């Protein structure tokens, strides 16, 4: 078992089967040792965990967990991109978070910490990353959160 697989097991995380794209795009691209993972929704058991807008139908704690689930789904895609071995990840370079937000909601960063905190829990110092987090009017399938990522691999 790889080091990252051992860490995931210790955290009680089982990576799901990666979700198929819902439109005309690929789940990831690889170029010159960089892996870009398309935005992942907070799927749990094949269903969207949190739907609606932060600051309206969805509270911050639920949004934070949705971001965590989105990062778990992102890692599932990354594992495929890495040929099944997440130990190939040498850096989590950047995460992008999209938070469906009510007009007056301003705690997008707190929501996105669900993904960022998990990146560091799983990958250690390699998981420290740059990040952008934005509030948006709506996300695909009514999801509350979407997370994308850029990774360096060996």
N, C-alpha and C. Protein backbone atom coordinates (compact mmCIF):
# COMPACT_ATOMS: atom_id res chain seq x y z
N UNK A 1 0.85 -1.18 0.00
CA UNK A 1 0.00 0.00 0.00
C UNK A 1 0.89 1.24 0.00
N UNK A 2 0.52 2.21 -0.82
CA UNK A 2 1.32 3.43 -0.93
C UNK A 2 1.17 4.29 0.33
N UNK A 3 2.08 5.23 0.48
CA UNK A 3 2.06 6.14 1.62
C UNK A 3 0.76 6.93 1.67
N UNK A 4 0.32 7.44 0.53
CA UNK A 4 -0.92 8.23 0.49
C UNK A 4 -2.12 7.33 0.74
N UNK A 5 -2.12 6.12 0.21
CA UNK A 5 -3.21 5.19 0.49
C UNK A 5 -3.29 4.87 1.98
N UNK A 6 -2.14 4.73 2.62
CA UNK A 6 -2.13 4.50 4.07
C UNK A 6 -2.71 5.70 4.81
N UNK A 7 -2.37 6.91 4.36
CA UNK A 7 -2.89 8.12 4.99
C UNK A 7 -4.41 8.21 4.82
N UNK A 8 -4.89 7.92 3.61
CA UNK A 8 -6.34 7.93 3.37
C UNK A 8 -7.05 6.92 4.27
N UNK A 9 -6.48 5.72 4.38
CA UNK A 9 -7.08 4.69 5.24
C UNK A 9 -7.11 5.16 6.69
N UNK A 10 -6.04 5.79 7.15
CA UNK A 10 -5.99 6.28 8.53
C UNK A 10 -7.06 7.35 8.78
N UNK A 11 -7.39 8.11 7.73
CA UNK A 11 -8.42 9.15 7.84
C UNK A 11 -9.83 8.59 7.60
N UNK A 12 -9.90 7.29 7.28
CA UNK A 12 -11.20 6.68 7.02
C UNK A 12 -11.80 7.07 5.68
N UNK A 13 -10.95 7.45 4.73
CA UNK A 13 -11.42 7.90 3.42
C UNK A 13 -11.22 6.79 2.40
N UNK A 14 -12.30 6.45 1.72
CA UNK A 14 -12.26 5.52 0.60
C UNK A 14 -12.59 6.34 -0.65
N UNK A 15 -11.67 6.38 -1.59
CA UNK A 15 -11.92 7.16 -2.80
C UNK A 15 -12.97 6.45 -3.65
N UNK A 16 -13.94 7.20 -4.15
CA UNK A 16 -14.99 6.60 -4.97
C UNK A 16 -14.52 6.33 -6.39
N UNK A 17 -15.34 5.64 -7.15
CA UNK A 17 -15.11 5.54 -8.58
C UNK A 17 -15.28 6.95 -9.13
N UNK A 18 -14.34 7.43 -9.93
CA UNK A 18 -14.44 8.81 -10.43
C UNK A 18 -15.71 9.03 -11.25
N UNK A 19 -16.29 10.20 -11.08
CA UNK A 19 -17.49 10.56 -11.81
C UNK A 19 -17.16 10.81 -13.28
N UNK A 20 -18.07 10.41 -14.15
CA UNK A 20 -17.91 10.68 -15.58
C UNK A 20 -18.28 12.14 -15.84
N UNK A 21 -17.64 12.77 -16.83
CA UNK A 21 -17.99 14.14 -17.18
C UNK A 21 -19.46 14.24 -17.58
N UNK A 22 -20.09 15.38 -17.26
CA UNK A 22 -21.50 15.59 -17.59
C UNK A 22 -21.67 16.46 -18.83
N UNK A 23 -20.57 16.84 -19.49
CA UNK A 23 -20.63 17.67 -20.69
C UNK A 23 -19.41 17.36 -21.56
N UNK A 24 -19.09 18.25 -22.48
CA UNK A 24 -18.02 18.02 -23.44
C UNK A 24 -16.67 18.48 -22.89
N UNK A 25 -16.09 17.67 -21.99
CA UNK A 25 -14.76 17.93 -21.44
C UNK A 25 -14.20 16.61 -20.93
N UNK A 26 -12.93 16.60 -20.59
CA UNK A 26 -12.30 15.42 -20.02
C UNK A 26 -12.08 15.66 -18.52
N UNK A 27 -12.03 14.59 -17.71
CA UNK A 27 -11.88 14.79 -16.28
C UNK A 27 -10.52 15.34 -15.87
N UNK A 28 -9.50 15.11 -16.69
CA UNK A 28 -8.17 15.64 -16.38
C UNK A 28 -7.34 15.72 -17.65
N UNK A 29 -6.31 16.55 -17.59
CA UNK A 29 -5.29 16.59 -18.64
C UNK A 29 -3.93 16.51 -17.95
N UNK A 30 -2.96 15.97 -18.68
CA UNK A 30 -1.58 15.88 -18.19
C UNK A 30 -0.68 16.50 -19.25
N UNK A 31 0.20 17.41 -18.82
CA UNK A 31 1.14 18.04 -19.74
C UNK A 31 2.39 18.44 -18.96
N UNK A 32 3.55 17.97 -19.40
CA UNK A 32 4.83 18.33 -18.79
C UNK A 32 4.84 18.15 -17.27
N UNK A 33 4.32 17.05 -16.79
CA UNK A 33 4.35 16.76 -15.36
C UNK A 33 3.31 17.49 -14.54
N UNK A 34 2.39 18.18 -15.21
CA UNK A 34 1.30 18.87 -14.51
C UNK A 34 -0.02 18.19 -14.83
N UNK A 35 -0.82 17.98 -13.80
CA UNK A 35 -2.15 17.39 -13.96
C UNK A 35 -3.18 18.45 -13.57
N UNK A 36 -4.07 18.74 -14.49
CA UNK A 36 -5.18 19.64 -14.21
C UNK A 36 -6.43 18.77 -14.09
N UNK A 37 -7.11 18.88 -12.95
CA UNK A 37 -8.33 18.12 -12.71
C UNK A 37 -9.51 19.07 -12.89
N UNK A 38 -10.46 18.66 -13.73
CA UNK A 38 -11.68 19.44 -13.92
C UNK A 38 -12.44 19.54 -12.61
N UNK A 39 -13.28 20.56 -12.51
CA UNK A 39 -14.06 20.79 -11.31
C UNK A 39 -14.86 19.57 -10.89
N UNK A 40 -14.82 19.29 -9.60
CA UNK A 40 -15.53 18.14 -9.03
C UNK A 40 -16.59 18.62 -8.06
N UNK A 41 -17.74 18.00 -8.12
CA UNK A 41 -18.86 18.34 -7.27
C UNK A 41 -18.82 17.51 -5.99
N UNK A 42 -19.59 17.88 -4.98
CA UNK A 42 -19.61 17.13 -3.71
C UNK A 42 -20.50 15.89 -3.79
N UNK A 43 -20.06 14.93 -4.59
CA UNK A 43 -20.82 13.70 -4.73
C UNK A 43 -20.53 12.76 -3.57
N UNK A 44 -21.58 12.15 -3.07
CA UNK A 44 -21.46 11.14 -2.02
C UNK A 44 -22.44 10.03 -2.39
N UNK A 45 -21.91 8.82 -2.58
CA UNK A 45 -22.74 7.69 -2.99
C UNK A 45 -23.51 8.01 -4.28
N UNK A 46 -22.85 8.73 -5.20
CA UNK A 46 -23.44 9.03 -6.49
C UNK A 46 -24.45 10.16 -6.51
N UNK A 47 -24.67 10.81 -5.37
CA UNK A 47 -25.64 11.91 -5.30
C UNK A 47 -24.95 13.16 -4.79
N UNK A 48 -25.46 14.31 -5.22
CA UNK A 48 -24.90 15.57 -4.75
C UNK A 48 -25.25 15.75 -3.28
N UNK A 49 -24.24 15.94 -2.46
CA UNK A 49 -24.42 16.06 -1.01
C UNK A 49 -25.12 17.36 -0.63
N UNK A 50 -24.70 18.47 -1.19
CA UNK A 50 -25.27 19.77 -0.81
C UNK A 50 -25.68 20.52 -2.06
N UNK A 51 -26.95 20.93 -2.08
CA UNK A 51 -27.48 21.70 -3.20
C UNK A 51 -28.02 23.03 -2.68
N UNK A 52 -27.90 24.06 -3.49
CA UNK A 52 -28.40 25.36 -3.09
C UNK A 52 -27.28 26.35 -2.91
N UNK A 53 -27.57 27.43 -2.20
CA UNK A 53 -26.64 28.54 -2.03
C UNK A 53 -26.19 28.67 -0.58
N UNK A 54 -24.90 28.91 -0.42
CA UNK A 54 -24.38 29.23 0.90
C UNK A 54 -24.98 30.56 1.33
N UNK A 55 -25.35 30.64 2.59
CA UNK A 55 -25.96 31.85 3.09
C UNK A 55 -27.47 31.87 2.89
N UNK A 56 -28.00 30.83 2.27
CA UNK A 56 -29.46 30.70 2.08
C UNK A 56 -29.84 29.28 2.51
N UNK A 57 -29.87 28.34 1.58
CA UNK A 57 -30.27 26.96 1.89
C UNK A 57 -29.16 26.14 2.56
N UNK A 58 -27.92 26.57 2.45
CA UNK A 58 -26.77 25.78 2.92
C UNK A 58 -25.96 26.61 3.92
N UNK A 59 -25.64 26.00 5.08
CA UNK A 59 -24.84 26.71 6.08
C UNK A 59 -23.34 26.45 5.85
N UNK A 60 -22.51 27.20 6.55
CA UNK A 60 -21.06 27.14 6.33
C UNK A 60 -20.50 25.76 6.64
N UNK A 61 -20.92 25.13 7.73
CA UNK A 61 -20.39 23.80 8.07
C UNK A 61 -20.74 22.77 7.00
N UNK A 62 -21.95 22.82 6.48
CA UNK A 62 -22.36 21.91 5.41
C UNK A 62 -21.55 22.20 4.15
N UNK A 63 -21.35 23.48 3.86
CA UNK A 63 -20.54 23.86 2.70
C UNK A 63 -19.10 23.40 2.83
N UNK A 64 -18.54 23.52 4.03
CA UNK A 64 -17.17 23.08 4.27
C UNK A 64 -17.05 21.58 4.02
N UNK A 65 -18.04 20.79 4.49
CA UNK A 65 -18.02 19.35 4.25
C UNK A 65 -18.20 19.06 2.76
N UNK A 66 -19.01 19.84 2.07
CA UNK A 66 -19.19 19.68 0.63
C UNK A 66 -17.87 19.92 -0.10
N UNK A 67 -17.09 20.91 0.33
CA UNK A 67 -15.78 21.17 -0.27
C UNK A 67 -14.84 20.00 -0.01
N UNK A 68 -14.91 19.43 1.18
CA UNK A 68 -14.11 18.25 1.51
C UNK A 68 -14.47 17.09 0.58
N UNK A 69 -15.78 16.85 0.40
CA UNK A 69 -16.22 15.79 -0.51
C UNK A 69 -15.76 16.06 -1.94
N UNK A 70 -15.82 17.32 -2.35
CA UNK A 70 -15.36 17.67 -3.70
C UNK A 70 -13.89 17.33 -3.86
N UNK A 71 -13.08 17.60 -2.82
CA UNK A 71 -11.65 17.27 -2.89
C UNK A 71 -11.45 15.75 -2.91
N UNK A 72 -12.27 15.00 -2.20
CA UNK A 72 -12.19 13.54 -2.25
C UNK A 72 -12.46 13.07 -3.68
N UNK A 73 -13.46 13.64 -4.33
CA UNK A 73 -13.75 13.27 -5.71
C UNK A 73 -12.64 13.72 -6.65
N UNK A 74 -12.02 14.84 -6.34
CA UNK A 74 -10.88 15.31 -7.12
C UNK A 74 -9.71 14.32 -6.99
N UNK A 75 -9.47 13.81 -5.78
CA UNK A 75 -8.40 12.83 -5.59
C UNK A 75 -8.70 11.53 -6.33
N UNK A 76 -9.96 11.17 -6.45
CA UNK A 76 -10.31 9.96 -7.21
C UNK A 76 -9.90 10.13 -8.67
N UNK A 77 -10.15 11.31 -9.24
CA UNK A 77 -9.72 11.58 -10.62
C UNK A 77 -8.19 11.61 -10.70
N UNK A 78 -7.55 12.22 -9.70
CA UNK A 78 -6.10 12.32 -9.67
C UNK A 78 -5.45 10.95 -9.60
N UNK A 79 -6.03 10.05 -8.84
CA UNK A 79 -5.48 8.69 -8.74
C UNK A 79 -5.46 8.04 -10.13
N UNK A 80 -6.52 8.19 -10.89
CA UNK A 80 -6.55 7.64 -12.25
C UNK A 80 -5.47 8.28 -13.10
N UNK A 81 -5.35 9.61 -13.01
CA UNK A 81 -4.34 10.33 -13.78
C UNK A 81 -2.93 9.88 -13.43
N UNK A 82 -2.73 9.46 -12.18
CA UNK A 82 -1.41 9.02 -11.70
C UNK A 82 -1.20 7.51 -11.88
N UNK A 83 -2.05 6.87 -12.66
CA UNK A 83 -1.90 5.44 -12.88
C UNK A 83 -2.14 4.63 -11.63
N UNK A 84 -2.96 5.14 -10.72
CA UNK A 84 -3.30 4.42 -9.50
C UNK A 84 -2.41 4.71 -8.31
N UNK A 85 -1.39 5.54 -8.48
CA UNK A 85 -0.42 5.78 -7.41
C UNK A 85 -0.34 7.26 -7.04
N UNK A 86 -1.05 7.65 -5.99
CA UNK A 86 -1.03 9.06 -5.55
C UNK A 86 0.30 9.48 -4.94
N UNK A 87 1.19 8.54 -4.68
CA UNK A 87 2.54 8.90 -4.22
C UNK A 87 3.31 9.65 -5.31
N UNK A 88 2.83 9.62 -6.55
CA UNK A 88 3.47 10.36 -7.64
C UNK A 88 3.28 11.87 -7.50
N UNK A 89 2.34 12.30 -6.67
CA UNK A 89 2.08 13.73 -6.50
C UNK A 89 3.24 14.36 -5.75
N UNK A 90 3.89 15.33 -6.38
CA UNK A 90 5.01 16.03 -5.74
C UNK A 90 4.60 17.40 -5.21
N UNK A 91 3.44 17.91 -5.68
CA UNK A 91 2.95 19.19 -5.18
C UNK A 91 1.48 19.37 -5.54
N UNK A 92 0.72 19.83 -4.58
CA UNK A 92 -0.62 20.36 -4.85
C UNK A 92 -0.37 21.83 -5.12
N UNK A 93 -0.41 22.22 -6.39
CA UNK A 93 0.00 23.57 -6.76
C UNK A 93 -1.09 24.62 -6.53
N UNK A 94 -2.33 24.26 -6.90
CA UNK A 94 -3.41 25.24 -6.82
C UNK A 94 -4.74 24.53 -6.72
N UNK A 95 -5.63 25.06 -5.89
CA UNK A 95 -7.02 24.64 -5.85
C UNK A 95 -7.88 25.84 -6.20
N UNK A 96 -8.94 25.58 -6.93
CA UNK A 96 -9.91 26.61 -7.24
C UNK A 96 -11.25 26.19 -6.68
N UNK A 97 -11.89 27.09 -5.95
CA UNK A 97 -13.18 26.79 -5.35
C UNK A 97 -14.25 27.70 -5.88
N UNK A 98 -15.38 27.11 -6.23
CA UNK A 98 -16.54 27.85 -6.69
C UNK A 98 -17.65 27.57 -5.69
N UNK A 99 -18.17 28.62 -5.08
CA UNK A 99 -19.15 28.48 -4.01
C UNK A 99 -20.44 29.18 -4.46
N UNK A 100 -21.51 28.40 -4.64
CA UNK A 100 -22.80 29.00 -4.97
C UNK A 100 -23.23 29.82 -3.76
N UNK A 101 -23.41 31.12 -3.97
CA UNK A 101 -23.56 32.03 -2.84
C UNK A 101 -24.78 32.93 -2.97
N UNK A 102 -25.45 33.12 -1.83
CA UNK A 102 -26.48 34.14 -1.75
C UNK A 102 -25.80 35.50 -1.93
N UNK A 103 -26.52 36.52 -2.39
CA UNK A 103 -25.89 37.81 -2.69
C UNK A 103 -25.07 38.42 -1.55
N UNK A 104 -25.47 38.22 -0.30
CA UNK A 104 -24.75 38.84 0.81
C UNK A 104 -23.79 37.89 1.53
N UNK A 105 -23.57 36.68 0.99
CA UNK A 105 -22.69 35.70 1.62
C UNK A 105 -21.23 36.05 1.30
N UNK A 106 -20.38 36.11 2.34
CA UNK A 106 -18.98 36.50 2.13
C UNK A 106 -17.98 35.52 2.78
N UNK A 107 -18.44 34.37 3.23
CA UNK A 107 -17.54 33.41 3.90
C UNK A 107 -17.10 32.28 2.98
N UNK A 108 -16.89 32.59 1.70
CA UNK A 108 -16.47 31.57 0.74
C UNK A 108 -15.15 30.91 1.17
N UNK A 109 -14.23 31.70 1.70
CA UNK A 109 -12.93 31.15 2.11
C UNK A 109 -13.09 30.10 3.21
N UNK A 110 -13.98 30.33 4.16
CA UNK A 110 -14.21 29.36 5.23
C UNK A 110 -14.77 28.06 4.67
N UNK A 111 -15.63 28.16 3.66
CA UNK A 111 -16.18 26.96 3.02
C UNK A 111 -15.06 26.19 2.32
N UNK A 112 -14.24 26.89 1.55
CA UNK A 112 -13.18 26.25 0.77
C UNK A 112 -12.12 25.61 1.65
N UNK A 113 -12.02 26.03 2.91
CA UNK A 113 -11.06 25.39 3.81
C UNK A 113 -11.33 23.90 3.95
N UNK A 114 -12.56 23.45 3.70
CA UNK A 114 -12.84 22.02 3.75
C UNK A 114 -11.97 21.24 2.77
N UNK A 115 -11.74 21.79 1.60
CA UNK A 115 -10.86 21.16 0.61
C UNK A 115 -9.40 21.38 0.95
N UNK A 116 -9.05 22.62 1.28
CA UNK A 116 -7.65 22.95 1.56
C UNK A 116 -7.12 22.19 2.77
N UNK A 117 -7.91 22.12 3.83
CA UNK A 117 -7.47 21.39 5.02
C UNK A 117 -7.23 19.92 4.71
N UNK A 118 -8.11 19.32 3.89
CA UNK A 118 -7.94 17.91 3.55
C UNK A 118 -6.71 17.70 2.68
N UNK A 119 -6.42 18.63 1.78
CA UNK A 119 -5.21 18.51 0.96
C UNK A 119 -3.97 18.39 1.83
N UNK A 120 -3.91 19.19 2.88
CA UNK A 120 -2.75 19.15 3.79
C UNK A 120 -2.80 17.91 4.67
N UNK A 121 -3.98 17.50 5.12
CA UNK A 121 -4.10 16.28 5.92
C UNK A 121 -3.60 15.07 5.15
N UNK A 122 -3.93 15.00 3.87
CA UNK A 122 -3.58 13.83 3.06
C UNK A 122 -2.13 13.90 2.58
N UNK A 123 -1.72 15.03 2.04
CA UNK A 123 -0.42 15.13 1.38
C UNK A 123 0.67 15.77 2.24
N UNK A 124 0.36 16.23 3.43
CA UNK A 124 1.35 16.89 4.27
C UNK A 124 1.79 18.19 3.65
N UNK A 125 3.06 18.55 3.81
CA UNK A 125 3.57 19.82 3.27
C UNK A 125 3.42 19.91 1.75
N UNK A 126 3.45 18.77 1.07
CA UNK A 126 3.24 18.73 -0.39
C UNK A 126 1.83 19.24 -0.73
N UNK A 127 0.92 19.17 0.23
CA UNK A 127 -0.46 19.61 0.02
C UNK A 127 -0.70 21.10 0.19
N UNK A 128 0.30 21.86 0.63
CA UNK A 128 0.14 23.31 0.78
C UNK A 128 0.11 23.92 -0.61
N UNK A 129 -0.85 24.81 -0.85
CA UNK A 129 -1.13 25.22 -2.22
C UNK A 129 -1.58 26.68 -2.29
N UNK A 130 -1.50 27.22 -3.50
CA UNK A 130 -2.14 28.50 -3.80
C UNK A 130 -3.62 28.21 -4.03
N UNK A 131 -4.46 29.27 -3.92
CA UNK A 131 -5.89 29.01 -4.01
C UNK A 131 -6.64 30.25 -4.45
N UNK A 132 -7.69 30.03 -5.21
CA UNK A 132 -8.68 31.06 -5.51
C UNK A 132 -10.04 30.50 -5.10
N UNK A 133 -10.85 31.35 -4.50
CA UNK A 133 -12.19 30.96 -4.10
C UNK A 133 -13.13 32.08 -4.49
N UNK A 134 -14.16 31.75 -5.24
CA UNK A 134 -15.09 32.77 -5.69
C UNK A 134 -16.53 32.35 -5.42
N UNK A 135 -17.36 33.32 -5.17
CA UNK A 135 -18.79 33.09 -5.05
C UNK A 135 -19.41 33.20 -6.44
N UNK A 136 -20.32 32.28 -6.74
CA UNK A 136 -20.98 32.27 -8.05
C UNK A 136 -22.49 32.17 -7.85
N UNK A 137 -23.22 32.54 -8.90
CA UNK A 137 -24.69 32.53 -8.83
C UNK A 137 -25.25 31.11 -8.85
N UNK A 138 -24.62 30.21 -9.61
CA UNK A 138 -25.12 28.84 -9.72
C UNK A 138 -24.00 27.93 -10.20
N UNK A 139 -24.14 26.64 -9.86
CA UNK A 139 -23.17 25.63 -10.28
C UNK A 139 -23.92 24.49 -10.97
N UNK A 140 -23.19 23.64 -11.72
CA UNK A 140 -23.84 22.53 -12.41
C UNK A 140 -24.66 21.65 -11.45
N UNK A 141 -25.80 21.22 -11.93
CA UNK A 141 -26.70 20.30 -11.21
C UNK A 141 -27.19 20.86 -9.88
N UNK A 142 -27.04 22.16 -9.68
CA UNK A 142 -27.51 22.78 -8.44
C UNK A 142 -26.60 22.60 -7.25
N UNK A 143 -25.37 22.10 -7.48
CA UNK A 143 -24.43 21.87 -6.39
C UNK A 143 -24.08 23.18 -5.69
N UNK A 144 -23.76 23.07 -4.39
CA UNK A 144 -23.38 24.23 -3.61
C UNK A 144 -21.90 24.58 -3.77
N UNK A 145 -21.09 23.59 -4.14
CA UNK A 145 -19.63 23.76 -4.18
C UNK A 145 -19.06 22.97 -5.36
N UNK A 146 -17.99 23.49 -5.95
CA UNK A 146 -17.21 22.78 -6.96
C UNK A 146 -15.74 23.11 -6.71
N UNK A 147 -14.86 22.11 -6.83
CA UNK A 147 -13.43 22.31 -6.59
C UNK A 147 -12.64 21.74 -7.77
N UNK A 148 -11.67 22.52 -8.26
CA UNK A 148 -10.76 22.07 -9.31
C UNK A 148 -9.34 22.12 -8.76
N UNK A 149 -8.40 21.47 -9.45
CA UNK A 149 -7.03 21.47 -8.94
C UNK A 149 -5.96 21.32 -10.00
N UNK A 150 -4.76 21.77 -9.63
CA UNK A 150 -3.56 21.64 -10.45
C UNK A 150 -2.49 20.99 -9.58
N UNK A 151 -1.89 19.93 -10.11
CA UNK A 151 -0.93 19.12 -9.35
C UNK A 151 0.32 18.88 -10.16
N UNK A 152 1.46 18.76 -9.49
CA UNK A 152 2.70 18.32 -10.13
C UNK A 152 2.89 16.85 -9.79
N UNK A 153 3.31 16.07 -10.79
CA UNK A 153 3.55 14.64 -10.56
C UNK A 153 4.91 14.24 -11.10
N UNK A 154 5.46 13.19 -10.51
CA UNK A 154 6.74 12.65 -10.96
C UNK A 154 6.49 11.51 -11.92
